[in-house]
All heavy atoms as atom14 arrays in JSON, in Angstrom:
{
  "sequence": "EKAKIPLVVETSTSPKITEQAGVGGNTWTFRINPSDSELAVGL",
  "atom14_mask": [
    [1, 1, 1, 1, 1, 1, 1, 1, 1, 0, 0, 0, 0, 0],
    [1, 1, 1, 1, 1, 1, 1, 1, 1, 0, 0, 0, 0, 0],
    [1, 1, 1, 1, 1, 0, 0, 0, 0, 0, 0, 0, 0, 0],
    [1, 1, 1, 1, 1, 1, 1, 1, 1, 0, 0, 0, 0, 0],
    [1, 1, 1, 1, 1, 1, 1, 1, 0, 0, 0, 0, 0, 0],
    [1, 1, 1, 1, 1, 1, 1, 0, 0, 0, 0, 0, 0, 0],
    [1, 1, 1, 1, 1, 1, 1, 1, 0, 0, 0, 0, 0, 0],
    [1, 1, 1, 1, 1, 1, 1, 0, 0, 0, 0, 0, 0, 0],
    [1, 1, 1, 1, 1, 1, 1, 0, 0, 0, 0, 0, 0, 0],
    [1, 1, 1, 1, 1, 1, 1, 1, 1, 0, 0, 0, 0, 0],
    [1, 1, 1, 1, 1, 1, 1, 0, 0, 0, 0, 0, 0, 0],
    [1, 1, 1, 1, 1, 1, 0, 0, 0, 0, 0, 0, 0, 0],
    [1, 1, 1, 1, 1, 1, 1, 0, 0, 0, 0, 0, 0, 0],
    [1, 1, 1, 1, 1, 1, 0, 0, 0, 0, 0, 0, 0, 0],
    [1, 1, 1, 1, 1, 1, 1, 0, 0, 0, 0, 0, 0, 0],
    [1, 1, 1, 1, 1, 1, 1, 1, 1, 0, 0, 0, 0, 0],
    [1, 1, 1, 1, 1, 1, 1, 1, 0, 0, 0, 0, 0, 0],
    [1, 1, 1, 1, 1, 1, 1, 0, 0, 0, 0, 0, 0, 0],
    [1, 1, 1, 1, 1, 1, 1, 1, 1, 0, 0, 0, 0, 0],
    [1, 1, 1, 1, 1, 1, 1, 1, 1, 0, 0, 0, 0, 0],
    [1, 1, 1, 1, 1, 0, 0, 0, 0, 0, 0, 0, 0, 0],
    [1, 1, 1, 1, 0, 0, 0, 0, 0, 0, 0, 0, 0, 0],
    [1, 1, 1, 1, 1, 1, 1, 0, 0, 0, 0, 0, 0, 0],
    [1, 1, 1, 1, 0, 0, 0, 0, 0, 0, 0, 0, 0, 0],
    [1, 1, 1, 1, 0, 0, 0, 0, 0, 0, 0, 0, 0, 0],
    [1, 1, 1, 1, 1, 1, 1, 1, 0, 0, 0, 0, 0, 0],
    [1, 1, 1, 1, 1, 1, 1, 0, 0, 0, 0, 0, 0, 0],
    [1, 1, 1, 1, 1, 1, 1, 1, 1, 1, 1, 1, 1, 1],
    [1, 1, 1, 1, 1, 1, 1, 0, 0, 0, 0, 0, 0, 0],
    [1, 1, 1, 1, 1, 1, 1, 1, 1, 1, 1, 0, 0, 0],
    [1, 1, 1, 1, 1, 1, 1, 1, 1, 1, 1, 0, 0, 0],
    [1, 1, 1, 1, 1, 1, 1, 1, 0, 0, 0, 0, 0, 0],
    [1, 1, 1, 1, 1, 1, 1, 1, 0, 0, 0, 0, 0, 0],
    [1, 1, 1, 1, 1, 1, 1, 0, 0, 0, 0, 0, 0, 0],
    [1, 1, 1, 1, 1, 1, 0, 0, 0, 0, 0, 0, 0, 0],
    [1, 1, 1, 1, 1, 1, 1, 1, 0, 0, 0, 0, 0, 0],
    [1, 1, 1, 1, 1, 1, 0, 0, 0, 0, 0, 0, 0, 0],
    [1, 1, 1, 1, 1, 1, 1, 1, 1, 0, 0, 0, 0, 0],
    [1, 1, 1, 1, 1, 1, 1, 1, 0, 0, 0, 0, 0, 0],
    [1, 1, 1, 1, 1, 0, 0, 0, 0, 0, 0, 0, 0, 0],
    [1, 1, 1, 1, 1, 1, 1, 0, 0, 0, 0, 0, 0, 0],
    [1, 1, 1, 1, 0, 0, 0, 0, 0, 0, 0, 0, 0, 0],
    [1, 1, 1, 1, 1, 1, 1, 1, 0, 0, 0, 0, 0, 0]
  ],
  "atom14_positions": [
    [[154.66, 10.37, 1.84], [154.14, 9.68, 0.62], [152.98, 10.47, 0.14], [152.97, 10.72, -1.12], [153.77, 8.29, 1.04], [153.2, 7.56, -0.23], [152.79, 6.08, 0.22], [152.26, 5.93, 1.35], [152.89, 5.29, -0.67], [0.0, 0.0, 0.0], [0.0, 0.0, 0.0], [0.0, 0.0, 0.0], [0.0, 0.0, 0.0], [0.0, 0.0, 0.0]],
    [[152.07, 10.97, 0.95], [150.97, 11.76, 0.47], [151.45, 13.1, -0.11], [150.89, 13.56, -1.08], [150.02, 11.93, 1.65], [148.71, 12.77, 1.25], [147.86, 12.88, 2.4], [146.56, 13.71, 2.01], [145.72, 13.79, 3.15], [0.0, 0.0, 0.0], [0.0, 0.0, 0.0], [0.0, 0.0, 0.0], [0.0, 0.0, 0.0], [0.0, 0.0, 0.0]],
    [[152.41, 13.7, 0.54], [152.85, 15.01, 0.09], [153.89, 14.9, -1.12], [154.23, 15.85, -1.68], [153.54, 15.7, 1.23], [0.0, 0.0, 0.0], [0.0, 0.0, 0.0], [0.0, 0.0, 0.0], [0.0, 0.0, 0.0], [0.0, 0.0, 0.0], [0.0, 0.0, 0.0], [0.0, 0.0, 0.0], [0.0, 0.0, 0.0], [0.0, 0.0, 0.0]],
    [[154.35, 13.65, -1.34], [155.31, 13.42, -2.45], [156.62, 14.16, -2.18], [157.11, 14.92, -2.99], [154.83, 13.79, -3.75], [153.57, 12.81, -4.13], [152.98, 13.21, -5.56], [152.02, 12.09, -6.07], [151.14, 11.55, -5.13], [0.0, 0.0, 0.0], [0.0, 0.0, 0.0], [0.0, 0.0, 0.0], [0.0, 0.0, 0.0], [0.0, 0.0, 0.0]],
    [[157.12, 14.0, -0.92], [158.38, 14.5, -0.52], [159.34, 13.42, -0.12], [158.9, 12.58, 0.72], [158.29, 15.49, 0.67], [157.26, 16.63, 0.42], [159.68, 16.03, 1.21], [157.8, 17.65, -0.6], [0.0, 0.0, 0.0], [0.0, 0.0, 0.0], [0.0, 0.0, 0.0], [0.0, 0.0, 0.0], [0.0, 0.0, 0.0], [0.0, 0.0, 0.0]],
    [[160.54, 13.27, -0.72], [161.42, 12.24, -0.38], [161.89, 12.3, 1.06], [162.2, 13.4, 1.57], [162.49, 12.38, -1.34], [162.47, 13.74, -1.79], [161.12, 14.1, -1.77], [0.0, 0.0, 0.0], [0.0, 0.0, 0.0], [0.0, 0.0, 0.0], [0.0, 0.0, 0.0], [0.0, 0.0, 0.0], [0.0, 0.0, 0.0], [0.0, 0.0, 0.0]],
    [[162.0, 11.12, 1.8], [162.46, 10.95, 3.09], [163.67, 9.99, 3.04], [163.68, 8.96, 2.57], [161.45, 10.41, 3.94], [161.81, 9.89, 5.38], [162.28, 11.16, 6.25], [160.8, 9.13, 6.06], [0.0, 0.0, 0.0], [0.0, 0.0, 0.0], [0.0, 0.0, 0.0], [0.0, 0.0, 0.0], [0.0, 0.0, 0.0], [0.0, 0.0, 0.0]],
    [[164.85, 10.54, 3.65], [165.98, 9.7, 3.77], [166.16, 9.37, 5.19], [166.34, 10.27, 6.01], [167.33, 10.41, 3.24], [168.56, 9.63, 3.52], [167.27, 10.74, 1.8], [0.0, 0.0, 0.0], [0.0, 0.0, 0.0], [0.0, 0.0, 0.0], [0.0, 0.0, 0.0], [0.0, 0.0, 0.0], [0.0, 0.0, 0.0], [0.0, 0.0, 0.0]],
    [[166.0, 8.08, 5.59], [166.05, 7.64, 6.91], [167.49, 7.37, 7.18], [168.18, 6.56, 6.49], [165.25, 6.35, 7.07], [165.33, 5.79, 8.51], [163.71, 6.61, 6.69], [0.0, 0.0, 0.0], [0.0, 0.0, 0.0], [0.0, 0.0, 0.0], [0.0, 0.0, 0.0], [0.0, 0.0, 0.0], [0.0, 0.0, 0.0], [0.0, 0.0, 0.0]],
    [[168.07, 8.09, 8.31], [169.53, 8.02, 8.57], [169.89, 7.14, 9.67], [170.95, 6.69, 9.76], [170.0, 9.45, 8.64], [169.81, 10.15, 9.96], [168.5, 10.03, 10.72], [167.52, 9.68, 10.22], [168.74, 10.25, 12.0], [0.0, 0.0, 0.0], [0.0, 0.0, 0.0], [0.0, 0.0, 0.0], [0.0, 0.0, 0.0], [0.0, 0.0, 0.0]],
    [[169.03, 6.86, 10.61], [169.42, 6.19, 11.82], [168.43, 5.1, 12.29], [168.85, 4.08, 12.89], [169.63, 7.1, 13.02], [170.49, 8.23, 12.61], [170.28, 6.52, 14.27], [0.0, 0.0, 0.0], [0.0, 0.0, 0.0], [0.0, 0.0, 0.0], [0.0, 0.0, 0.0], [0.0, 0.0, 0.0], [0.0, 0.0, 0.0], [0.0, 0.0, 0.0]],
    [[167.18, 5.33, 12.1], [166.13, 4.31, 12.52], [166.43, 2.93, 11.93], [166.79, 2.71, 10.79], [164.86, 4.79, 12.06], [164.48, 6.09, 12.52], [0.0, 0.0, 0.0], [0.0, 0.0, 0.0], [0.0, 0.0, 0.0], [0.0, 0.0, 0.0], [0.0, 0.0, 0.0], [0.0, 0.0, 0.0], [0.0, 0.0, 0.0], [0.0, 0.0, 0.0]],
    [[166.25, 1.92, 12.79], [166.66, 0.56, 12.38], [165.55, -0.46, 12.38], [165.74, -1.62, 11.92], [167.67, -0.01, 13.42], [167.17, 0.19, 14.78], [168.97, 0.79, 13.28], [0.0, 0.0, 0.0], [0.0, 0.0, 0.0], [0.0, 0.0, 0.0], [0.0, 0.0, 0.0], [0.0, 0.0, 0.0], [0.0, 0.0, 0.0], [0.0, 0.0, 0.0]],
    [[164.26, -0.14, 12.66], [163.24, -1.05, 12.61], [163.09, -1.75, 11.2], [163.02, -1.01, 10.17], [161.96, -0.41, 12.94], [160.85, -1.28, 12.68], [0.0, 0.0, 0.0], [0.0, 0.0, 0.0], [0.0, 0.0, 0.0], [0.0, 0.0, 0.0], [0.0, 0.0, 0.0], [0.0, 0.0, 0.0], [0.0, 0.0, 0.0], [0.0, 0.0, 0.0]],
    [[163.03, -3.08, 11.17], [162.86, -3.77, 9.89], [161.54, -3.37, 9.14], [161.43, -3.5, 7.88], [162.8, -5.23, 10.26], [163.61, -5.26, 11.53], [163.24, -3.99, 12.23], [0.0, 0.0, 0.0], [0.0, 0.0, 0.0], [0.0, 0.0, 0.0], [0.0, 0.0, 0.0], [0.0, 0.0, 0.0], [0.0, 0.0, 0.0], [0.0, 0.0, 0.0]],
    [[160.57, -2.83, 9.88], [159.28, -2.47, 9.26], [159.53, -1.34, 8.22], [158.83, -1.29, 7.21], [158.31, -1.91, 10.3], [157.69, -2.89, 11.27], [156.79, -2.22, 12.25], [156.2, -3.16, 13.26], [155.25, -2.46, 14.24], [0.0, 0.0, 0.0], [0.0, 0.0, 0.0], [0.0, 0.0, 0.0], [0.0, 0.0, 0.0], [0.0, 0.0, 0.0]],
    [[160.5, -0.51, 8.42], [160.8, 0.54, 7.52], [161.11, -0.02, 6.06], [160.53, 0.42, 5.08], [161.95, 1.48, 7.98], [161.44, 2.16, 9.23], [162.34, 2.54, 6.94], [162.57, 2.85, 10.03], [0.0, 0.0, 0.0], [0.0, 0.0, 0.0], [0.0, 0.0, 0.0], [0.0, 0.0, 0.0], [0.0, 0.0, 0.0], [0.0, 0.0, 0.0]],
    [[161.97, -1.04, 6.02], [162.4, -1.58, 4.82], [161.15, -2.34, 4.19], [160.92, -2.33, 3.01], [163.58, -2.64, 5.01], [164.6, -1.83, 5.6], [163.98, -3.3, 3.72], [0.0, 0.0, 0.0], [0.0, 0.0, 0.0], [0.0, 0.0, 0.0], [0.0, 0.0, 0.0], [0.0, 0.0, 0.0], [0.0, 0.0, 0.0], [0.0, 0.0, 0.0]],
    [[160.45, -3.05, 4.98], [159.26, -3.84, 4.55], [158.3, -2.89, 3.86], [157.62, -3.3, 2.94], [158.61, -4.62, 5.77], [159.48, -5.64, 6.39], [158.99, -6.12, 7.68], [157.91, -5.68, 8.09], [159.64, -6.88, 8.39], [0.0, 0.0, 0.0], [0.0, 0.0, 0.0], [0.0, 0.0, 0.0], [0.0, 0.0, 0.0], [0.0, 0.0, 0.0]],
    [[158.1, -1.75, 4.35], [157.06, -0.77, 3.91], [157.58, 0.13, 2.84], [156.76, 0.84, 2.12], [156.44, 0.08, 5.07], [155.79, -0.76, 6.16], [155.27, 0.12, 7.22], [155.22, 1.31, 7.15], [154.98, -0.58, 8.31], [0.0, 0.0, 0.0], [0.0, 0.0, 0.0], [0.0, 0.0, 0.0], [0.0, 0.0, 0.0], [0.0, 0.0, 0.0]],
    [[158.88, 0.15, 2.57], [159.45, 1.14, 1.55], [159.71, 0.46, 0.17], [159.86, -0.74, 0.16], [160.76, 1.75, 2.12], [0.0, 0.0, 0.0], [0.0, 0.0, 0.0], [0.0, 0.0, 0.0], [0.0, 0.0, 0.0], [0.0, 0.0, 0.0], [0.0, 0.0, 0.0], [0.0, 0.0, 0.0], [0.0, 0.0, 0.0], [0.0, 0.0, 0.0]],
    [[159.72, 1.27, -0.83], [160.15, 0.84, -2.18], [159.12, 0.06, -2.87], [157.91, 0.41, -2.81], [0.0, 0.0, 0.0], [0.0, 0.0, 0.0], [0.0, 0.0, 0.0], [0.0, 0.0, 0.0], [0.0, 0.0, 0.0], [0.0, 0.0, 0.0], [0.0, 0.0, 0.0], [0.0, 0.0, 0.0], [0.0, 0.0, 0.0], [0.0, 0.0, 0.0]],
    [[159.44, -0.96, -3.51], [158.69, -1.79, -4.45], [157.31, -2.18, -3.75], [157.33, -2.82, -2.67], [159.31, -3.02, -5.04], [159.75, -3.96, -3.96], [158.43, -3.69, -6.11], [0.0, 0.0, 0.0], [0.0, 0.0, 0.0], [0.0, 0.0, 0.0], [0.0, 0.0, 0.0], [0.0, 0.0, 0.0], [0.0, 0.0, 0.0], [0.0, 0.0, 0.0]],
    [[156.13, -1.87, -4.31], [154.89, -2.22, -3.75], [154.52, -1.54, -2.56], [153.5, -1.8, -1.92], [0.0, 0.0, 0.0], [0.0, 0.0, 0.0], [0.0, 0.0, 0.0], [0.0, 0.0, 0.0], [0.0, 0.0, 0.0], [0.0, 0.0, 0.0], [0.0, 0.0, 0.0], [0.0, 0.0, 0.0], [0.0, 0.0, 0.0], [0.0, 0.0, 0.0]],
    [[155.33, -0.43, -2.11], [155.01, 0.33, -0.95], [155.25, 1.73, -1.03], [154.89, 2.35, -2.06], [0.0, 0.0, 0.0], [0.0, 0.0, 0.0], [0.0, 0.0, 0.0], [0.0, 0.0, 0.0], [0.0, 0.0, 0.0], [0.0, 0.0, 0.0], [0.0, 0.0, 0.0], [0.0, 0.0, 0.0], [0.0, 0.0, 0.0], [0.0, 0.0, 0.0]],
    [[155.97, 2.33, -0.03], [156.17, 3.75, -0.05], [157.41, 4.0, -0.84], [158.57, 3.8, -0.37], [156.36, 4.13, 1.42], [156.43, 5.64, 1.68], [157.1, 6.29, 0.87], [155.92, 6.11, 2.7], [0.0, 0.0, 0.0], [0.0, 0.0, 0.0], [0.0, 0.0, 0.0], [0.0, 0.0, 0.0], [0.0, 0.0, 0.0], [0.0, 0.0, 0.0]],
    [[157.28, 4.53, -2.04], [158.38, 4.81, -2.86], [159.14, 6.09, -2.6], [160.0, 6.44, -3.37], [157.95, 4.78, -4.33], [156.94, 5.83, -4.52], [157.31, 3.39, -4.72], [0.0, 0.0, 0.0], [0.0, 0.0, 0.0], [0.0, 0.0, 0.0], [0.0, 0.0, 0.0], [0.0, 0.0, 0.0], [0.0, 0.0, 0.0], [0.0, 0.0, 0.0]],
    [[158.67, 6.84, -1.65], [159.38, 8.08, -1.28], [160.23, 8.01, -0.11], [160.89, 8.95, 0.35], [158.29, 9.1, -0.98], [157.38, 9.51, -2.22], [156.33, 8.9, -2.66], [157.62, 10.6, -3.07], [155.93, 9.36, -3.8], [156.69, 10.49, -4.12], [158.67, 11.55, -3.22], [156.64, 11.37, -5.18], [158.61, 12.43, -4.26], [157.55, 12.39, -5.3]],
    [[160.41, 6.8, 0.39], [161.23, 6.56, 1.65], [162.5, 5.77, 1.18], [162.4, 4.73, 0.54], [160.5, 5.81, 2.74], [159.42, 6.56, 3.12], [161.33, 5.47, 3.9], [0.0, 0.0, 0.0], [0.0, 0.0, 0.0], [0.0, 0.0, 0.0], [0.0, 0.0, 0.0], [0.0, 0.0, 0.0], [0.0, 0.0, 0.0], [0.0, 0.0, 0.0]],
    [[163.64, 6.25, 1.72], [164.98, 5.49, 1.48], [165.69, 5.49, 2.76], [165.7, 6.42, 3.63], [165.79, 6.36, 0.44], [165.16, 6.52, -0.87], [164.2, 7.53, -1.04], [165.51, 5.81, -1.96], [163.59, 7.76, -2.33], [164.94, 6.01, -3.27], [163.95, 7.0, -3.37], [0.0, 0.0, 0.0], [0.0, 0.0, 0.0], [0.0, 0.0, 0.0]],
    [[166.37, 4.24, 2.98], [167.11, 4.14, 4.23], [168.62, 3.91, 3.92], [168.94, 3.03, 3.16], [166.61, 3.08, 5.1], [167.42, 2.99, 6.45], [166.7, 2.27, 7.53], [166.13, 1.0, 7.25], [165.51, 0.26, 8.08], [165.26, 0.68, 9.41], [165.0, -0.98, 7.8], [0.0, 0.0, 0.0], [0.0, 0.0, 0.0], [0.0, 0.0, 0.0]],
    [[169.51, 4.66, 4.59], [170.92, 4.5, 4.27], [171.63, 3.72, 5.41], [172.79, 3.29, 5.1], [171.59, 5.92, 4.23], [171.58, 6.67, 5.58], [171.04, 6.69, 3.13], [172.43, 7.9, 5.57], [0.0, 0.0, 0.0], [0.0, 0.0, 0.0], [0.0, 0.0, 0.0], [0.0, 0.0, 0.0], [0.0, 0.0, 0.0], [0.0, 0.0, 0.0]],
    [[171.05, 3.42, 6.49], [171.72, 2.54, 7.55], [171.14, 1.17, 7.52], [170.03, 0.96, 7.11], [171.53, 3.31, 8.91], [170.07, 3.39, 9.32], [169.25, 3.83, 8.65], [169.71, 2.83, 10.52], [0.0, 0.0, 0.0], [0.0, 0.0, 0.0], [0.0, 0.0, 0.0], [0.0, 0.0, 0.0], [0.0, 0.0, 0.0], [0.0, 0.0, 0.0]],
    [[171.87, 0.2, 8.09], [171.28, -1.16, 8.22], [170.15, -1.29, 9.15], [169.97, -0.45, 10.06], [172.55, -1.97, 8.79], [173.81, -1.05, 8.6], [173.23, 0.38, 8.7], [0.0, 0.0, 0.0], [0.0, 0.0, 0.0], [0.0, 0.0, 0.0], [0.0, 0.0, 0.0], [0.0, 0.0, 0.0], [0.0, 0.0, 0.0], [0.0, 0.0, 0.0]],
    [[169.26, -2.2, 8.83], [168.17, -2.47, 9.68], [168.57, -3.38, 10.89], [169.71, -3.92, 10.82], [166.94, -3.19, 8.9], [167.39, -4.49, 8.74], [0.0, 0.0, 0.0], [0.0, 0.0, 0.0], [0.0, 0.0, 0.0], [0.0, 0.0, 0.0], [0.0, 0.0, 0.0], [0.0, 0.0, 0.0], [0.0, 0.0, 0.0], [0.0, 0.0, 0.0]],
    [[167.72, -3.47, 11.88], [168.07, -4.46, 13.04], [168.23, -5.83, 12.5], [169.02, -6.54, 13.09], [167.0, -4.34, 14.06], [167.11, -3.07, 14.96], [168.21, -2.82, 15.38], [166.13, -2.34, 15.29], [0.0, 0.0, 0.0], [0.0, 0.0, 0.0], [0.0, 0.0, 0.0], [0.0, 0.0, 0.0], [0.0, 0.0, 0.0], [0.0, 0.0, 0.0]],
    [[167.45, -6.2, 11.47], [167.69, -7.58, 10.92], [169.08, -7.84, 10.52], [169.71, -8.71, 10.74], [166.68, -7.82, 9.89], [165.3, -7.78, 10.36], [0.0, 0.0, 0.0], [0.0, 0.0, 0.0], [0.0, 0.0, 0.0], [0.0, 0.0, 0.0], [0.0, 0.0, 0.0], [0.0, 0.0, 0.0], [0.0, 0.0, 0.0], [0.0, 0.0, 0.0]],
    [[169.62, -6.76, 9.78], [170.99, -6.87, 9.25], [172.0, -6.77, 10.34], [172.99, -7.54, 10.36], [171.28, -5.82, 8.21], [170.34, -5.99, 7.01], [170.3, -4.79, 5.98], [170.23, -3.68, 6.48], [170.53, -5.03, 4.75], [0.0, 0.0, 0.0], [0.0, 0.0, 0.0], [0.0, 0.0, 0.0], [0.0, 0.0, 0.0], [0.0, 0.0, 0.0]],
    [[171.85, -5.85, 11.25], [172.73, -5.76, 12.36], [172.72, -7.02, 13.23], [173.77, -7.34, 13.8], [172.41, -4.47, 13.22], [172.47, -3.15, 12.55], [171.93, -2.05, 13.32], [174.03, -2.79, 12.19], [0.0, 0.0, 0.0], [0.0, 0.0, 0.0], [0.0, 0.0, 0.0], [0.0, 0.0, 0.0], [0.0, 0.0, 0.0], [0.0, 0.0, 0.0]],
    [[171.56, -7.62, 13.39], [171.51, -8.79, 14.2], [172.32, -9.9, 13.62], [172.94, -10.65, 14.31], [170.04, -9.2, 14.43], [0.0, 0.0, 0.0], [0.0, 0.0, 0.0], [0.0, 0.0, 0.0], [0.0, 0.0, 0.0], [0.0, 0.0, 0.0], [0.0, 0.0, 0.0], [0.0, 0.0, 0.0], [0.0, 0.0, 0.0], [0.0, 0.0, 0.0]],
    [[172.35, -9.9, 12.3], [173.17, -11.03, 11.63], [174.63, -10.92, 12.0], [175.34, -11.84, 12.36], [173.01, -10.97, 10.09], [173.9, -11.91, 9.42], [171.58, -11.36, 9.75], [0.0, 0.0, 0.0], [0.0, 0.0, 0.0], [0.0, 0.0, 0.0], [0.0, 0.0, 0.0], [0.0, 0.0, 0.0], [0.0, 0.0, 0.0], [0.0, 0.0, 0.0]],
    [[175.17, -9.69, 11.94], [176.63, -9.41, 12.25], [176.86, -9.64, 13.77], [177.89, -10.26, 13.97], [0.0, 0.0, 0.0], [0.0, 0.0, 0.0], [0.0, 0.0, 0.0], [0.0, 0.0, 0.0], [0.0, 0.0, 0.0], [0.0, 0.0, 0.0], [0.0, 0.0, 0.0], [0.0, 0.0, 0.0], [0.0, 0.0, 0.0], [0.0, 0.0, 0.0]],
    [[175.93, -9.24, 14.59], [176.19, -9.47, 16.03], [176.17, -11.03, 16.34], [176.97, -11.51, 17.08], [175.2, -8.72, 16.92], [175.28, -8.94, 18.45], [176.61, -8.33, 18.93], [174.12, -8.14, 19.03], [0.0, 0.0, 0.0], [0.0, 0.0, 0.0], [0.0, 0.0, 0.0], [0.0, 0.0, 0.0], [0.0, 0.0, 0.0], [0.0, 0.0, 0.0]]
  ]
}
């Protein structure tokens, strides 16, 4: 975020990543895989 370099998160599943990314937060982070919250719903 400080360096202004985009990060694509490919495997990490912690819900904190979604909570901290995007609107009102870290706009340089994107996640392509489901979070543990989403995976927990399916399981």
